[in-house]
């Protein structure tokens, strides 16, 4: 008697998630140029607030008989560093970065370093005879208070590539589309002056100073600091209302005055003509605390026969972009 051996093969079907079953997967509405908009319109270098920017785009696919999985990535740009992207204008740089979420929890990255939380993912469900569209967005922001010069040219990063892949990040995805995006920002000119007590830093709210000599005495001195904050070339002018004289408040009924001298940043200033006098010019940028210039007033020689009363002068200090 012959015996036969029968083999039974058991094929176990493991769960499998279909991937990349996408037909004509493509980008839609991707902007080629994205311009930064801050509180002043452009980027104000002394503004401490951060202004988060939103970039919106679409992903489209035609109907398929299975789920279509995809994801989107963003290149590092001209810096080559995902952790710190940069806008540039000549040799000047502005630090910025892009994020997949408005909370800036995850930087928007690309292969080979990107993780699942650092990309934008999406899918299209099974549909027949239907073209589907998904809306997406990502976010970017320039680091606040980066002191760079104002320029007629925009600061830009034109080396950014938005890439669309079909499939899953962990399962050999296929690149299906790319778009080039330029991020740019206009750096606003910011030129301000502050009049503060000697030794203090710039204060946008301090624009007046009262120089009180008390009872006038010959040679008496008082002063304060003129602080300029600027990311542009600037010029400071001064103008005396009373032609560099302390005039009696009842003038011209009482025709009495007392001369005084002005020393600005170590140099003598003549305001006697009553016309605006340019007292200093500057180039480049200043820190957020500004650049301080001391100003000192000295009462002239009194004759001893001056009329009693209050004597005063008003000096206007103005700073303009150069």
C-alpha atoms as a PDB file:
ATOM      1  CA  UNK A   1       0.000   0.000   0.000  1.00  0.00           C
ATOM      2  CA  UNK A   2       1.289   3.375  -0.907  1.00  0.00           C
ATOM      3  CA  UNK A   3       0.915   6.354   1.263  1.00  0.00           C
ATOM      4  CA  UNK A   4       0.835   9.910  -0.002  1.00  0.00           C
ATOM      5  CA  UNK A   5       1.711  13.020   1.939  1.00  0.00           C
ATOM      6  CA  UNK A   6      -0.572  15.975   1.531  1.00  0.00           C
ATOM      7  CA  UNK A   7       0.763  19.439   2.363  1.00  0.00           C
ATOM      8  CA  UNK A   8      -1.600  22.188   3.390  1.00  0.00           C
ATOM      9  CA  UNK A   9      -0.442  25.755   2.881  1.00  0.00           C
ATOM     10  CA  UNK A  10      -2.090  28.446   4.965  1.00  0.00           C
ATOM     11  CA  UNK A  11      -1.727  31.965   3.591  1.00  0.00           C
ATOM     12  CA  UNK A  12      -2.201  34.609   6.232  1.00  0.00           C
ATOM     13  CA  UNK A  13      -3.339  37.913   4.852  1.00  0.00           C
ATOM     14  CA  UNK A  14      -1.994  40.718   7.019  1.00  0.00           C
ATOM     15  CA  UNK A  15      -3.694  44.098   7.125  1.00  0.00           C
ATOM     16  CA  UNK A  16      -2.219  46.454   4.520  1.00  0.00           C
ATOM     17  CA  UNK A  17      -2.885  50.117   4.051  1.00  0.00           C
ATOM     18  CA  UNK A  18      -3.030  51.039   0.409  1.00  0.00           C
ATOM     19  CA  UNK A  19      -0.733  53.928  -0.400  1.00  0.00           C
ATOM     20  CA  UNK A  20      -0.148  56.358  -3.245  1.00  0.00           C
ATOM     21  CA  UNK A  21      -3.177  55.309  -5.268  1.00  0.00           C
ATOM     22  CA  UNK A  22      -3.426  58.858  -6.545  1.00  0.00           C
ATOM     23  CA  UNK A  23      -4.417  59.957 -10.019  1.00  0.00           C
ATOM     24  CA  UNK A  24      -3.068  63.262 -11.353  1.00  0.00           C
ATOM     25  CA  UNK A  25      -2.050  64.479  -7.907  1.00  0.00           C
ATOM     26  CA  UNK A  26      -1.078  68.167  -8.196  1.00  0.00           C
ATOM     27  CA  UNK A  27      -0.658  71.491  -6.430  1.00  0.00           C
ATOM     28  CA  UNK A  28      -3.163  74.290  -6.782  1.00  0.00           C
ATOM     29  CA  UNK A  29      -3.049  77.949  -5.769  1.00  0.00           C
ATOM     30  CA  UNK A  30       0.564  77.962  -4.593  1.00  0.00           C
ATOM     31  CA  UNK A  31       1.792  81.602  -4.494  1.00  0.00           C
ATOM     32  CA  UNK A  32       5.093  82.261  -6.224  1.00  0.00           C
ATOM     33  CA  UNK A  33       5.765  85.334  -4.083  1.00  0.00           C
ATOM     34  CA  UNK A  34       4.860  85.850  -0.420  1.00  0.00           C
ATOM     35  CA  UNK A  35       5.379  89.296   1.122  1.00  0.00           C
ATOM     36  CA  UNK A  36       5.726  89.932   4.853  1.00  0.00           C
ATOM     37  CA  UNK A  37       3.151  92.248   6.405  1.00  0.00           C
ATOM     38  CA  UNK A  38       3.882  93.745   9.822  1.00  0.00           C
ATOM     39  CA  UNK A  39       2.232  96.390  11.950  1.00  0.00           C
ATOM     40  CA  UNK A  40       3.828  99.180   9.903  1.00  0.00           C
ATOM     41  CA  UNK A  41       3.166  97.476   6.585  1.00  0.00           C
ATOM     42  CA  UNK A  42       6.653  96.044   6.247  1.00  0.00           C
ATOM     43  CA  UNK A  43       9.184  94.869   8.829  1.00  0.00           C
ATOM     44  CA  UNK A  44       9.866  97.450  11.578  1.00  0.00           C
ATOM     45  CA  UNK A  45      13.190  96.592  13.175  1.00  0.00           C
ATOM     46  CA  UNK A  46      12.402  98.069  16.608  1.00  0.00           C
ATOM     47  CA  UNK A  47       8.929  96.550  16.922  1.00  0.00           C
ATOM     48  CA  UNK A  48       9.054  93.805  19.618  1.00  0.00           C
ATOM     49  CA  UNK A  49       5.917  92.078  18.343  1.00  0.00           C
ATOM     50  CA  UNK A  50       6.085  89.029  16.092  1.00  0.00           C
ATOM     51  CA  UNK A  51       3.747  88.918  13.087  1.00  0.00           C
ATOM     52  CA  UNK A  52       2.866  85.388  12.000  1.00  0.00           C
ATOM     53  CA  UNK A  53       2.276  85.071   8.263  1.00  0.00           C
ATOM     54  CA  UNK A  54      -0.018  82.486   6.646  1.00  0.00           C
ATOM     55  CA  UNK A  55       0.570  80.798   3.275  1.00  0.00           C
ATOM     56  CA  UNK A  56      -2.421  78.951   1.785  1.00  0.00           C
ATOM     57  CA  UNK A  57      -2.396  76.413  -1.026  1.00  0.00           C
ATOM     58  CA  UNK A  58      -4.323  73.408  -2.372  1.00  0.00           C
ATOM     59  CA  UNK A  59      -3.681  69.807  -3.315  1.00  0.00           C
ATOM     60  CA  UNK A  60      -5.885  68.182  -5.970  1.00  0.00           C
ATOM     61  CA  UNK A  61      -6.402  64.661  -7.220  1.00  0.00           C
ATOM     62  CA  UNK A  62      -8.762  62.887  -9.581  1.00  0.00           C
ATOM     63  CA  UNK A  63     -11.064  60.114  -8.431  1.00  0.00           C
ATOM     64  CA  UNK A  64      -9.553  56.740  -7.560  1.00  0.00           C
ATOM     65  CA  UNK A  65     -10.784  53.393  -6.341  1.00  0.00           C
ATOM     66  CA  UNK A  66      -8.655  53.532  -3.210  1.00  0.00           C
ATOM     67  CA  UNK A  67      -7.434  56.029  -0.637  1.00  0.00           C
ATOM     68  CA  UNK A  68      -4.825  58.494  -1.874  1.00  0.00           C
ATOM     69  CA  UNK A  69      -2.191  59.431   0.717  1.00  0.00           C
ATOM     70  CA  UNK A  70       0.201  62.372   0.208  1.00  0.00           C
ATOM     71  CA  UNK A  71       2.406  64.857   2.030  1.00  0.00           C
ATOM     72  CA  UNK A  72       4.091  68.221   1.414  1.00  0.00           C
ATOM     73  CA  UNK A  73       7.591  69.435   2.352  1.00  0.00           C
ATOM     74  CA  UNK A  74       9.490  72.746   2.291  1.00  0.00           C
ATOM     75  CA  UNK A  75      13.200  73.114   1.542  1.00  0.00           C
ATOM     76  CA  UNK A  76      15.647  74.956   3.821  1.00  0.00           C
ATOM     77  CA  UNK A  77      16.160  77.858   1.405  1.00  0.00           C
ATOM     78  CA  UNK A  78      19.363  79.797   0.901  1.00  0.00           C
ATOM     79  CA  UNK A  79      20.591  79.265   4.476  1.00  0.00           C
ATOM     80  CA  UNK A  80      20.697  75.486   4.009  1.00  0.00           C
ATOM     81  CA  UNK A  81      19.591  75.209   7.630  1.00  0.00           C
ATOM     82  CA  UNK A  82      16.056  74.175   8.568  1.00  0.00           C
ATOM     83  CA  UNK A  83      16.522  75.529  12.083  1.00  0.00           C
ATOM     84  CA  UNK A  84      17.268  79.045  10.841  1.00  0.00           C
ATOM     85  CA  UNK A  85      16.141  80.191   7.418  1.00  0.00           C
ATOM     86  CA  UNK A  86      17.299  83.621   6.225  1.00  0.00           C
ATOM     87  CA  UNK A  87      16.157  86.500   4.051  1.00  0.00           C
ATOM     88  CA  UNK A  88      19.009  88.461   2.496  1.00  0.00           C
ATOM     89  CA  UNK A  89      19.686  91.835   0.905  1.00  0.00           C
ATOM     90  CA  UNK A  90      23.275  92.151  -0.247  1.00  0.00           C
ATOM     91  CA  UNK A  91      25.313  91.278   2.874  1.00  0.00           C
ATOM     92  CA  UNK A  92      22.510  91.897   5.374  1.00  0.00           C
ATOM     93  CA  UNK A  93      20.403  89.026   6.731  1.00  0.00           C
ATOM     94  CA  UNK A  94      17.052  88.652   8.464  1.00  0.00           C
ATOM     95  CA  UNK A  95      16.371  85.466  10.440  1.00  0.00           C
ATOM     96  CA  UNK A  96      13.019  83.780   9.883  1.00  0.00           C
ATOM     97  CA  UNK A  97      11.466  80.339   9.825  1.00  0.00           C
ATOM     98  CA  UNK A  98       8.448  78.405   8.540  1.00  0.00           C
ATOM     99  CA  UNK A  99       6.165  76.144  10.588  1.00  0.00           C
ATOM    100  CA  UNK A 100       3.495  73.540   9.953  1.00  0.00           C
ATOM    101  CA  UNK A 101       1.301  74.926  12.767  1.00  0.00           C
ATOM    102  CA  UNK A 102       0.322  78.395  13.988  1.00  0.00           C
ATOM    103  CA  UNK A 103       1.705  77.584  17.433  1.00  0.00           C
ATOM    104  CA  UNK A 104       5.176  77.187  15.864  1.00  0.00           C
ATOM    105  CA  UNK A 105       5.584  73.813  17.550  1.00  0.00           C
ATOM    106  CA  UNK A 106       7.138  72.183  14.492  1.00  0.00           C
ATOM    107  CA  UNK A 107       9.423  73.667  11.851  1.00  0.00           C
ATOM    108  CA  UNK A 108       8.345  72.904   8.267  1.00  0.00           C
ATOM    109  CA  UNK A 109      11.098  70.696   6.813  1.00  0.00           C
ATOM    110  CA  UNK A 110      11.973  68.353   3.940  1.00  0.00           C
ATOM    111  CA  UNK A 111      13.771  65.083   3.307  1.00  0.00           C
ATOM    112  CA  UNK A 112      16.000  63.609   4.518  1.00  0.00           C
ATOM    113  CA  UNK A 113      15.669  65.164   7.992  1.00  0.00           C
ATOM    114  CA  UNK A 114      11.917  65.766   8.226  1.00  0.00           C
ATOM    115  CA  UNK A 115       9.855  63.716  10.650  1.00  0.00           C
ATOM    116  CA  UNK A 116       6.132  63.045  10.480  1.00  0.00           C
ATOM    117  CA  UNK A 117       5.355  66.103  12.630  1.00  0.00           C
ATOM    118  CA  UNK A 118       7.452  68.369  10.400  1.00  0.00           C
ATOM    119  CA  UNK A 119       5.507  67.843   7.170  1.00  0.00           C
ATOM    120  CA  UNK A 120       1.965  68.547   5.985  1.00  0.00           C
ATOM    121  CA  UNK A 121      -0.039  65.393   5.309  1.00  0.00           C
ATOM    122  CA  UNK A 122      -3.353  64.737   3.610  1.00  0.00           C
ATOM    123  CA  UNK A 123      -5.463  62.145   1.878  1.00  0.00           C
ATOM    124  CA  UNK A 124      -8.359  61.693  -0.513  1.00  0.00           C
ATOM    125  CA  UNK A 125     -10.962  59.060   0.204  1.00  0.00           C
ATOM    126  CA  UNK A 126     -12.327  56.600  -2.346  1.00  0.00           C
ATOM    127  CA  UNK A 127     -14.512  58.440  -4.837  1.00  0.00           C
ATOM    128  CA  UNK A 128     -15.838  57.729  -8.293  1.00  0.00           C
ATOM    129  CA  UNK A 129     -15.950  60.308 -11.092  1.00  0.00           C
ATOM    130  CA  UNK A 130     -14.988  63.155  -8.792  1.00  0.00           C
ATOM    131  CA  UNK A 131     -12.058  65.553  -8.659  1.00  0.00           C
ATOM    132  CA  UNK A 132     -11.199  66.341  -5.056  1.00  0.00           C
ATOM    133  CA  UNK A 133      -9.413  69.342  -3.514  1.00  0.00           C
ATOM    134  CA  UNK A 134      -7.871  69.765  -0.070  1.00  0.00           C
ATOM    135  CA  UNK A 135      -6.961  73.166   1.389  1.00  0.00           C
ATOM    136  CA  UNK A 136      -3.737  73.515   3.382  1.00  0.00           C
ATOM    137  CA  UNK A 137      -1.698  76.259   5.003  1.00  0.00           C
ATOM    138  CA  UNK A 138       1.605  76.794   6.702  1.00  0.00           C
ATOM    139  CA  UNK A 139       3.084  79.697   8.634  1.00  0.00           C
ATOM    140  CA  UNK A 140       6.225  81.802   8.751  1.00  0.00           C
ATOM    141  CA  UNK A 141       7.577  84.649  10.853  1.00  0.00           C
ATOM    142  CA  UNK A 142      10.604  86.928  10.956  1.00  0.00           C
ATOM    143  CA  UNK A 143      12.338  87.124  14.314  1.00  0.00           C
ATOM    144  CA  UNK A 144      11.443  90.501  15.892  1.00  0.00           C
ATOM    145  CA  UNK A 145      13.934  93.269  16.644  1.00  0.00           C
ATOM    146  CA  UNK A 146      16.610  92.196  14.204  1.00  0.00           C
ATOM    147  CA  UNK A 147      18.358  95.517  13.577  1.00  0.00           C
ATOM    148  CA  UNK A 148      19.161  95.702   9.860  1.00  0.00           C
ATOM    149  CA  UNK A 149      19.387  98.724   7.532  1.00  0.00           C
ATOM    150  CA  UNK A 150      16.386  99.975   5.609  1.00  0.00           C
ATOM    151  CA  UNK A 151      16.859  99.383   1.903  1.00  0.00           C
ATOM    152  CA  UNK A 152      15.299 100.207  -1.427  1.00  0.00           C
ATOM    153  CA  UNK A 153      15.454  96.489  -2.175  1.00  0.00           C
ATOM    154  CA  UNK A 154      13.480  93.784  -0.397  1.00  0.00           C
ATOM    155  CA  UNK A 155      15.107  91.182   1.808  1.00  0.00           C
ATOM    156  CA  UNK A 156      14.282  87.860   0.159  1.00  0.00           C
ATOM    157  CA  UNK A 157      14.754  84.105   0.117  1.00  0.00           C
ATOM    158  CA  UNK A 158      14.104  82.890  -3.427  1.00  0.00           C
ATOM    159  CA  UNK A 159      15.523  79.397  -2.925  1.00  0.00           C
ATOM    160  CA  UNK A 160      12.477  77.743  -1.389  1.00  0.00           C
ATOM    161  CA  UNK A 161      10.888  74.657  -2.928  1.00  0.00           C
ATOM    162  CA  UNK A 162       7.502  73.260  -1.913  1.00  0.00           C
ATOM    163  CA  UNK A 163       7.408  69.539  -2.776  1.00  0.00           C
ATOM    164  CA  UNK A 164       4.409  67.219  -3.117  1.00  0.00           C
ATOM    165  CA  UNK A 165       4.832  63.458  -2.602  1.00  0.00           C
ATOM    166  CA  UNK A 166       2.348  60.644  -3.039  1.00  0.00           C
ATOM    167  CA  UNK A 167       2.479  57.867  -0.484  1.00  0.00           C
ATOM    168  CA  UNK A 168       3.636  57.824   3.100  1.00  0.00           C
ATOM    169  CA  UNK A 169       6.848  59.261   4.530  1.00  0.00           C
ATOM    170  CA  UNK A 170       7.982  55.851   5.801  1.00  0.00           C
ATOM    171  CA  UNK A 171       7.140  53.847   2.648  1.00  0.00           C
ATOM    172  CA  UNK A 172       9.298  55.065  -0.249  1.00  0.00           C
ATOM    173  CA  UNK A 173       7.124  58.000  -1.353  1.00  0.00           C
ATOM    174  CA  UNK A 174       7.087  59.344  -4.911  1.00  0.00           C
ATOM    175  CA  UNK A 175       7.782  62.988  -5.741  1.00  0.00           C
ATOM    176  CA  UNK A 176       5.015  64.193  -8.058  1.00  0.00           C
ATOM    177  CA  UNK A 177       5.232  68.008  -8.096  1.00  0.00           C
ATOM    178  CA  UNK A 178       7.289  71.004  -6.948  1.00  0.00           C
ATOM    179  CA  UNK A 179       6.675  74.728  -6.732  1.00  0.00           C
ATOM    180  CA  UNK A 180       9.169  77.524  -6.128  1.00  0.00           C
ATOM    181  CA  UNK A 181       8.245  80.176  -3.563  1.00  0.00           C
ATOM    182  CA  UNK A 182      10.011  83.444  -2.779  1.00  0.00           C
ATOM    183  CA  UNK A 183       9.596  84.959   0.681  1.00  0.00           C
ATOM    184  CA  UNK A 184      10.330  88.669   0.873  1.00  0.00           C
ATOM    185  CA  UNK A 185      10.111  91.567   3.325  1.00  0.00           C
ATOM    186  CA  UNK A 186      10.457  95.324   2.993  1.00  0.00           C
ATOM    187  CA  UNK A 187      12.439  96.724   5.913  1.00  0.00           C
ATOM    188  CA  UNK A 188      10.860 100.027   6.905  1.00  0.00           C
ATOM    189  CA  UNK A 189      12.925 103.107   7.653  1.00  0.00           C
ATOM    190  CA  UNK A 190      12.738 103.899  11.350  1.00  0.00           C
ATOM    191  CA  UNK A 191      14.182 107.174  12.650  1.00  0.00           C
ATOM    192  CA  UNK A 192      13.135 108.493  16.081  1.00  0.00           C
ATOM    193  CA  UNK A 193      14.455 110.847  18.734  1.00  0.00           C
ATOM    194  CA  UNK A 194      13.979 110.767  22.483  1.00  0.00           C
ATOM    195  CA  UNK A 195      14.886 113.390  25.089  1.00  0.00           C
ATOM    196  CA  UNK A 196      15.757 111.685  28.361  1.00  0.00           C
ATOM    197  CA  UNK A 197      17.543 112.303  31.626  1.00  0.00           C
ATOM    198  CA  UNK A 198      21.297 111.861  31.360  1.00  0.00           C
ATOM    199  CA  UNK A 199      22.323 108.212  31.255  1.00  0.00           C
ATOM    200  CA  UNK A 200      18.920 106.793  30.315  1.00  0.00           C
ATOM    201  CA  UNK A 201      18.192 104.809  27.153  1.00  0.00           C
ATOM    202  CA  UNK A 202      15.760 105.523  24.344  1.00  0.00           C
ATOM    203  CA  UNK A 203      12.125 105.926  25.368  1.00  0.00           C
ATOM    204  CA  UNK A 204       9.607 106.556  22.571  1.00  0.00           C
ATOM    205  CA  UNK A 205       7.335 108.333  25.065  1.00  0.00           C
ATOM    206  CA  UNK A 206       9.988 110.832  26.207  1.00  0.00           C
ATOM    207  CA  UNK A 207      10.059 113.665  23.672  1.00  0.00           C
ATOM    208  CA  UNK A 208      10.221 116.727  25.934  1.00  0.00           C
ATOM    209  CA  UNK A 209      12.550 117.904  28.682  1.00  0.00           C
ATOM    210  CA  UNK A 210      12.213 120.790  31.095  1.00  0.00           C
ATOM    211  CA  UNK A 211      15.546 122.422  31.919  1.00  0.00           C
ATOM    212  CA  UNK A 212      14.881 124.243  35.199  1.00  0.00           C
ATOM    213  CA  UNK A 213      17.691 126.493  36.437  1.00  0.00           C
ATOM    214  CA  UNK A 214      15.753 127.591  39.502  1.00  0.00           C
ATOM    215  CA  UNK A 215      17.105 130.998  40.529  1.00  0.00           C
ATOM    216  CA  UNK A 216      19.385 132.045  37.694  1.00  0.00           C
ATOM    217  CA  UNK A 217      23.067 132.304  38.474  1.00  0.00           C
ATOM    218  CA  UNK A 218      25.986 133.012  36.176  1.00  0.00           C
ATOM    219  CA  UNK A 219      27.629 129.851  34.897  1.00  0.00           C
ATOM    220  CA  UNK A 220      24.835 127.556  36.116  1.00  0.00           C
ATOM    221  CA  UNK A 221      24.618 124.342  34.075  1.00  0.00           C
ATOM    222  CA  UNK A 222      21.885 121.843  33.275  1.00  0.00           C
ATOM    223  CA  UNK A 223      21.532 119.139  30.607  1.00  0.00           C
ATOM    224  CA  UNK A 224      20.023 115.894  29.383  1.00  0.00           C
ATOM    225  CA  UNK A 225      20.584 113.332  26.613  1.00  0.00           C
ATOM    226  CA  UNK A 226      19.311 113.400  23.051  1.00  0.00           C
ATOM    227  CA  UNK A 227      18.912 109.735  22.069  1.00  0.00           C
ATOM    228  CA  UNK A 228      18.527 108.741  18.430  1.00  0.00           C
ATOM    229  CA  UNK A 229      17.211 105.349  17.317  1.00  0.00           C
ATOM    230  CA  UNK A 230      17.595 104.613  13.628  1.00  0.00           C
ATOM    231  CA  UNK A 231      18.170 101.941  10.995  1.00  0.00           C
ATOM    232  CA  UNK A 232      18.827 104.580   8.381  1.00  0.00           C
ATOM    233  CA  UNK A 233      21.103 107.551   7.863  1.00  0.00           C
ATOM    234  CA  UNK A 234      19.827 110.455   9.958  1.00  0.00           C
ATOM    235  CA  UNK A 235      20.308 114.141  10.693  1.00  0.00           C
ATOM    236  CA  UNK A 236      19.512 115.987  13.936  1.00  0.00           C
ATOM    237  CA  UNK A 237      18.637 119.680  13.856  1.00  0.00           C
ATOM    238  CA  UNK A 238      17.964 122.203  16.633  1.00  0.00           C
ATOM    239  CA  UNK A 239      16.172 125.534  16.503  1.00  0.00           C
ATOM    240  CA  UNK A 240      15.858 128.196  19.219  1.00  0.00           C
ATOM    241  CA  UNK A 241      12.585 130.106  19.396  1.00  0.00           C
ATOM    242  CA  UNK A 242      14.251 133.096  21.102  1.00  0.00           C
ATOM    243  CA  UNK A 243      17.565 133.084  19.200  1.00  0.00           C
ATOM    244  CA  UNK A 244      19.461 131.411  22.058  1.00  0.00           C
ATOM    245  CA  UNK A 245      18.235 133.833  24.710  1.00  0.00           C
ATOM    246  CA  UNK A 246      16.210 133.263  27.877  1.00  0.00           C
ATOM    247  CA  UNK A 247      13.527 135.908  27.455  1.00  0.00           C
ATOM    248  CA  UNK A 248      11.286 137.374  30.155  1.00  0.00           C
ATOM    249  CA  UNK A 249       7.794 135.890  29.950  1.00  0.00           C
ATOM    250  CA  UNK A 250       6.288 139.402  29.881  1.00  0.00           C
ATOM    251  CA  UNK A 251       8.269 140.419  26.812  1.00  0.00           C
ATOM    252  CA  UNK A 252       8.039 142.713  24.973  1.00  0.00           C
ATOM    253  CA  UNK A 253       6.526 144.704  27.862  1.00  0.00           C
ATOM    254  CA  UNK A 254       9.622 143.826  29.844  1.00  0.00           C
ATOM    255  CA  UNK A 255      12.498 143.780  27.371  1.00  0.00           C
ATOM    256  CA  UNK A 256      14.848 141.615  29.367  1.00  0.00           C
ATOM    257  CA  UNK A 257      16.843 138.537  28.381  1.00  0.00           C
ATOM    258  CA  UNK A 258      19.710 136.347  29.533  1.00  0.00           C
ATOM    259  CA  UNK A 259      22.169 134.692  27.170  1.00  0.00           C
ATOM    260  CA  UNK A 260      23.138 131.040  27.453  1.00  0.00           C
ATOM    261  CA  UNK A 261      25.486 128.677  25.634  1.00  0.00           C
ATOM    262  CA  UNK A 262      24.876 125.211  24.188  1.00  0.00           C
ATOM    263  CA  UNK A 263      27.290 122.303  24.057  1.00  0.00           C
ATOM    264  CA  UNK A 264      26.073 119.283  22.076  1.00  0.00           C
ATOM    265  CA  UNK A 265      28.099 116.069  22.150  1.00  0.00           C
ATOM    266  CA  UNK A 266      31.158 118.005  23.234  1.00  0.00           C
ATOM    267  CA  UNK A 267      30.911 120.755  20.608  1.00  0.00           C
ATOM    268  CA  UNK A 268      29.588 124.311  20.756  1.00  0.00           C
ATOM    269  CA  UNK A 269      26.302 125.015  18.931  1.00  0.00           C
ATOM    270  CA  UNK A 270      25.180 128.454  17.718  1.00  0.00           C
ATOM    271  CA  UNK A 271      21.394 128.833  17.656  1.00  0.00           C
ATOM    272  CA  UNK A 272      21.425 132.627  17.663  1.00  0.00           C
ATOM    273  CA  UNK A 273      20.035 133.015  14.126  1.00  0.00           C
ATOM    274  CA  UNK A 274      16.765 131.347  15.059  1.00  0.00           C
ATOM    275  CA  UNK A 275      17.071 129.090  12.019  1.00  0.00           C
ATOM    276  CA  UNK A 276      17.315 125.270  12.221  1.00  0.00           C
ATOM    277  CA  UNK A 277      20.925 124.173  12.716  1.00  0.00           C
ATOM    278  CA  UNK A 278      22.108 120.696  11.797  1.00  0.00           C
ATOM    279  CA  UNK A 279      24.093 119.499  14.766  1.00  0.00           C
ATOM    280  CA  UNK A 280      24.935 115.928  13.861  1.00  0.00           C
ATOM    281  CA  UNK A 281      24.504 113.309  11.143  1.00  0.00           C
ATOM    282  CA  UNK A 282      24.715 109.559  11.421  1.00  0.00           C
ATOM    283  CA  UNK A 283      24.891 106.501   9.212  1.00  0.00           C
ATOM    284  CA  UNK A 284      24.145 102.822   9.667  1.00  0.00           C
ATOM    285  CA  UNK A 285      21.996 101.464  12.469  1.00  0.00           C
ATOM    286  CA  UNK A 286      21.697 102.016  16.201  1.00  0.00           C
ATOM    287  CA  UNK A 287      20.753  99.452  18.856  1.00  0.00           C
ATOM    288  CA  UNK A 288      17.187  99.375  20.175  1.00  0.00           C
ATOM    289  CA  UNK A 289      18.423 101.411  23.163  1.00  0.00           C
ATOM    290  CA  UNK A 290      19.523 104.150  20.751  1.00  0.00           C
ATOM    291  CA  UNK A 291      22.674 106.259  20.538  1.00  0.00           C
ATOM    292  CA  UNK A 292      22.914 108.998  23.179  1.00  0.00           C
ATOM    293  CA  UNK A 293      24.315 112.496  22.656  1.00  0.00           C
ATOM    294  CA  UNK A 294      24.697 114.711  25.752  1.00  0.00           C
ATOM    295  CA  UNK A 295      23.512 118.312  25.536  1.00  0.00           C
ATOM    296  CA  UNK A 296      24.445 120.952  28.120  1.00  0.00           C
ATOM    297  CA  UNK A 297      23.164 124.496  28.681  1.00  0.00           C
ATOM    298  CA  UNK A 298      25.159 127.120  30.605  1.00  0.00           C
ATOM    299  CA  UNK A 299      23.717 130.404  31.849  1.00  0.00           C
ATOM    300  CA  UNK A 300      25.705 133.455  30.693  1.00  0.00           C
ATOM    301  CA  UNK A 301      27.062 136.209  32.896  1.00  0.00           C
ATOM    302  CA  UNK A 302      24.353 138.107  34.784  1.00  0.00           C
ATOM    303  CA  UNK A 303      24.658 141.860  35.328  1.00  0.00           C
ATOM    304  CA  UNK A 304      22.754 141.781  38.604  1.00  0.00           C
ATOM    305  CA  UNK A 305      20.195 144.252  37.289  1.00  0.00           C
ATOM    306  CA  UNK A 306      17.885 141.750  35.596  1.00  0.00           C
ATOM    307  CA  UNK A 307      14.158 142.172  36.145  1.00  0.00           C
ATOM    308  CA  UNK A 308      12.556 139.662  38.462  1.00  0.00           C
ATOM    309  CA  UNK A 309      10.386 137.063  36.782  1.00  0.00           C
ATOM    310  CA  UNK A 310      10.579 133.912  34.720  1.00  0.00           C
ATOM    311  CA  UNK A 311      12.873 133.653  31.701  1.00  0.00           C
ATOM    312  CA  UNK A 312      12.529 130.934  29.083  1.00  0.00           C
ATOM    313  CA  UNK A 313      13.333 129.682  25.619  1.00  0.00           C
ATOM    314  CA  UNK A 314      11.947 126.821  23.567  1.00  0.00           C
ATOM    315  CA  UNK A 315      14.308 124.608  21.554  1.00  0.00           C
ATOM    316  CA  UNK A 316      12.952 122.224  18.956  1.00  0.00           C
ATOM    317  CA  UNK A 317      14.972 119.065  18.325  1.00  0.00           C
ATOM    318  CA  UNK A 318      14.164 117.134  15.156  1.00  0.00           C
ATOM    319  CA  UNK A 319      15.577 113.995  13.580  1.00  0.00           C
ATOM    320  CA  UNK A 320      15.014 113.100   9.933  1.00  0.00           C
ATOM    321  CA  UNK A 321      16.161 110.303   7.633  1.00  0.00           C
ATOM    322  CA  UNK A 322      19.251 111.411   5.777  1.00  0.00           C
END
